[in-house]
Amino acid sequence: MNLPPDKMKLLSQYDDEKKWELVCDQERFQVKNPPSAYIQKLKSYLDTGGVSRKFKRRVQESTQVLRELEISLRTNYIGWVQEFLNEENKGLDVLLEYLSFAQCAITDGMESMDKLNPAHSRKALRNSRIVSQKDDVHVCIMCLRAIMNYQSGFTLVMNHPACVNEITLSLNNKNPRTKALVLELLAAVCLVRGGHDIILAAFDNFKEVCGEKNRFEKLMEYFRNEDSNIDFMVACMQFINIVVHSVENMNFRVFLQYEFTHLGLDEYLERLRLTESDKLQVQIQAYLDNVFDVGAMLEDTETKNAVLEHMEELQEHVAQVGLGAALKVKKPIQTKFRMPVFNWVALKPSQIDGTVFTELNDEKVLQELDMSDFEEQFKTKAQGPGLDLTALKVKATQKAPSKVTLIESNRAKNLAITLRKGGLSVQDICTAIETYDQQALSLDFLELLLRFMPTEYERTLISKYEREQQPRGELSDEDQFMLRFSKIPRLSERMNVMIFLGNFSDTAQLLMPQLNAIIAASMSLKSSTKLRNILEIVLAFGNYMNSSKRGAAYGFRRASLVALLEMKSTDRKQTLLHYLVRVITEKYPELTGFHTELHFLDKEAYESAVEYFGENPKTSPPTTFFPMFMRFIKAYKKAEQDIELWKKQEAAAKEAELSPPGSEEPLDTKPSIPKARRQQMDMIAELKKKQMVKEPLIYEGKDGAIEDIISALKTVPFTARTGKRSSRLFCDVSFTEESPL
C-alpha cells in the first residue's frame, strides 16, 4: 500500500477486518495501466506533424489521461512510480516535454519551442494553443507534485536541469487556480534545504524567458490583477513571505525584501490592509511580522555596543576604587516610548571624583517632574514592533546617477552634512572666505569647515583631474566644492584668521587684559549654585533618554551642552533646550537668571575651575573653555525669547478665535521654520552576517515531506521563527547528496 513507516506501524495495530476494508478501498482507487501506457499516450500528443483537426481529436482525452496518471503516481505502490521514472521510460522527461508544449502558446515562448522539433515549431505553437485551453498544465503540475512527494522522485526533479524552470514558467497560465498550485509547490521547495537557491535560479530563468526588467515583475503583476481570486492571492502572499524570509542571512533577506519593495509590494499591502479575507490577512501579517526594520536593528546594535562599553567602564571603575565606592549604581530607565539618543559625551565613573557631578542628583529631578509630556514631544517617529511600510522604502529611483569621486566616501558624507548646515552655495562660501566676510559665515560653520581642509593627497587628485581636462559635471557636489575650496589662496591662514576674529570679542570680554579676569571667571563658574542646578537638570534628562540604551552617566563633557540645540522634538518645532527652558521656568523659576551669577569675582586657580567641570587643564585653554559657556548662555537666552514669543502668539491666536470675524487683522501664528533640516545618518553599509552553515543531512527514506510542508503552511503561516523551530515540518531534506534512481 506504499505507506511510510509511521503509518505502517499504525496499520499493524488494526484488526484483520479493518485491514481488509482498507485493502479493498485501495483496490478501488488503483489504476491498472502500466507506466508505459501513459508514456506512449503523452508521446503521441507531442507528435505535432498532423493537421489541427486530427490533433484536436487526438488530444480530447489528454486531460483524462493526465488525471489517471496523477492518481497512479499518488496512490500506486512505489515500484510503479520508480518504473515510471526509470532510465528506460524516462517518464519525468516526457511529462516535462508535454508541459513545455502545453504552455508554450501562453508564453509565446520561442525559447520553449527550442525543445521541440524546429521543423514543426509553427504547427506546435498552433496546436499548443488548443492544449492551453484545457486543464492539462494544471494536471501536469499535480503529477509533478505527486512525484516530488517521494524522496527519490524529489531528488530526480531537483537534479533535473529544466524541471523547476518549467514549473515556474507555468505561472503564466491564465487559470489563477493553476498559478496558486504552482506557488504552493514552489513555496514548499523553498523550505527544503538547498531549494531556495533553485527557486531563485528558476525565477532568473523566468525573467530571461519572459523579458522582465526585474525579477518577480510578472508575479507582482499577477498579484495585483488577480484580486478577485482569494486563493491565488493567499498563495502568492505566502510564497513572497517564504522566498524572502526563509533565508537566515540577514543581508540577503534585506536584499530580497527590497526587491519586492521596489516592485511596489509595500504600497499594495497598504491597500490590502482592509481586506475582508481572514486567510489573506493572516498571510499579509505574517510577512509584515517577518520584515526587517533596518533602522530599529541599527539602533539596537548601537544600544548593545554602548551597554558593553558602559559595562567596561563600570568594571574599570570598580577595579580602581574597589567594592565602598561612594557612587550609587544608576539603573536604566525604561521609557514608555522609544526615545532618540542624546549625543552627549559622558564621563566615565572614574572621572567623576572631585567634580561638580558628585554633588548632583539627577534622579531627584526625575522624581519631581512628569516626564510623560517630554516623551510625547520627543519620542522617535517609529515606535514599537509595528511596521511603517513607507519608512522602509528605499527610493532608488530618486537617486542621482553615480558620479566620479575624488575624496573618501565617509569624508564626503560628512562634508555634505556640513554644507547643508551652512545653507549657502559653493560659490558664496568660497567668496565669503576670500573676502573675510564674517557676516555671511557663522563661527560654528567655519569651525566645522576647518576639518575639511584639502589634504595633499586630495590636492594631487584634483590637479590630476584638471590636467586630464575631465568635465566637472561628472564630479559629485562635494568634490566640486573641494575643487573650488582648494583654489582659495592661503586657505588655512584665512580660515584661522576668520575664526580668531569670530572668537575675538567673546574671548577679549572673558579674558580681560590680565590673568585676574581668567581667575575671576573661573571662580564665577565654580561658585554658581544655579549653574550647578542647571547641569543637574541636563544630566537628569540625558539619563532619562540614554540609560536604557547606553547606561546611566554620572557626568558629561561641557561640549555636550551643544547637543541640546541639535536634538529636535518629534514635530521638529523645538529643541531640547527649548523644552528644558520651559521646565525650568515652570518648575524651577529660581534658576531662570542663572547667568547673572556668572561674572568676574575674586581670585581662584583656573586649573581648579577646569577640573571642577571634569575637564583637563592641559587640553582646555581659556580660549575654548569659557566660550563654550558663553555660547550656552546665549542659546539659553535665545530659547527663553523663543518661548516667550510662542506664548504671545498662542495668546493672540486664542484672542483671534474669540474675536468677531473681521474685527482685526489676522496674525501669523506659525512659528518660524528652520532653514536647514538635519539629515538622517546614513545606514551602516553591511549588517553582521548570521548565516548558519549546516552539514547536509542524508534523507532517511520518509516520503511525503512536500505534502507535509504544504499542509503545515495552510494551517500555520510561515514566520522566520517557525522555520527555525519546527524542524519536524520544515524538514532538512537534502537532495544534493542523493543519487538518481
Foldseek 3Di string as FASTA:
>chain_A
DAAFPVVVVVLVPDDPVVNVVVVVVLVVQADDDALVVLLVLLVVLLPLPDDQVVSLVSCPCVVVSLLNLLSNLQRPHVVRLCVNCDPVNVNVVSLLLSLLLLCCLLLVFVVSLVVDDPVRSVSSNVNSVSSLVDCSNQSSLSSLLSLCLFLQSVLVQLPDPCNLLSLVLCCSRPDLVSVLSSLLLLLLLLLAVPSLVVNVVSQVVVCVRNVNPAGCLVVVVCLVPVVVDVSSVLSSLLSLLRSLQQFQWPVSSLVSVQSVVVSPPLVVVVVCCPPPDPSNNQSSVQSQLFDDPQVVVVLQVLLVVLQVVLVVLVVVQCVVPPDVDPDDFDAAADDPWQFDAQPFFFDRPNLCPLALLVVFDLVVVVVVDDCPVVCVWGGAPDTDSGDDSVVSHDPPVPDDPAFDELDDDVLLVLLVLLVLVLVDALVVVQVCLLVVPPVSGDLVSLVSCLVPQDDPSSVVSLVVCVVVVDDPVRYDRSNVSNNSQNPRPPNNVSSVVSNCVNLVVVLCVQCPPDNLSLQQLLCLLVPQPLVSVLQSNVLNVNSNNPCSRNNRGSAGALLSLVSQQVRATNVRQDGNLLVSLVCCVVPPVVSNVSCVSRGGDGGDDNQSSQSNRSHHCVPADSSRVVVSVVVSVVVNVVSVVLVVVLVVLVVLVVVVVVDPPPPDDDDDNDDDHDPGDRDDDDRDPDDDTDRDDDDQDADPGRGRLSVLLSVVCSVRRDHNVCSVPPCVNSPHSDSVPDDRD
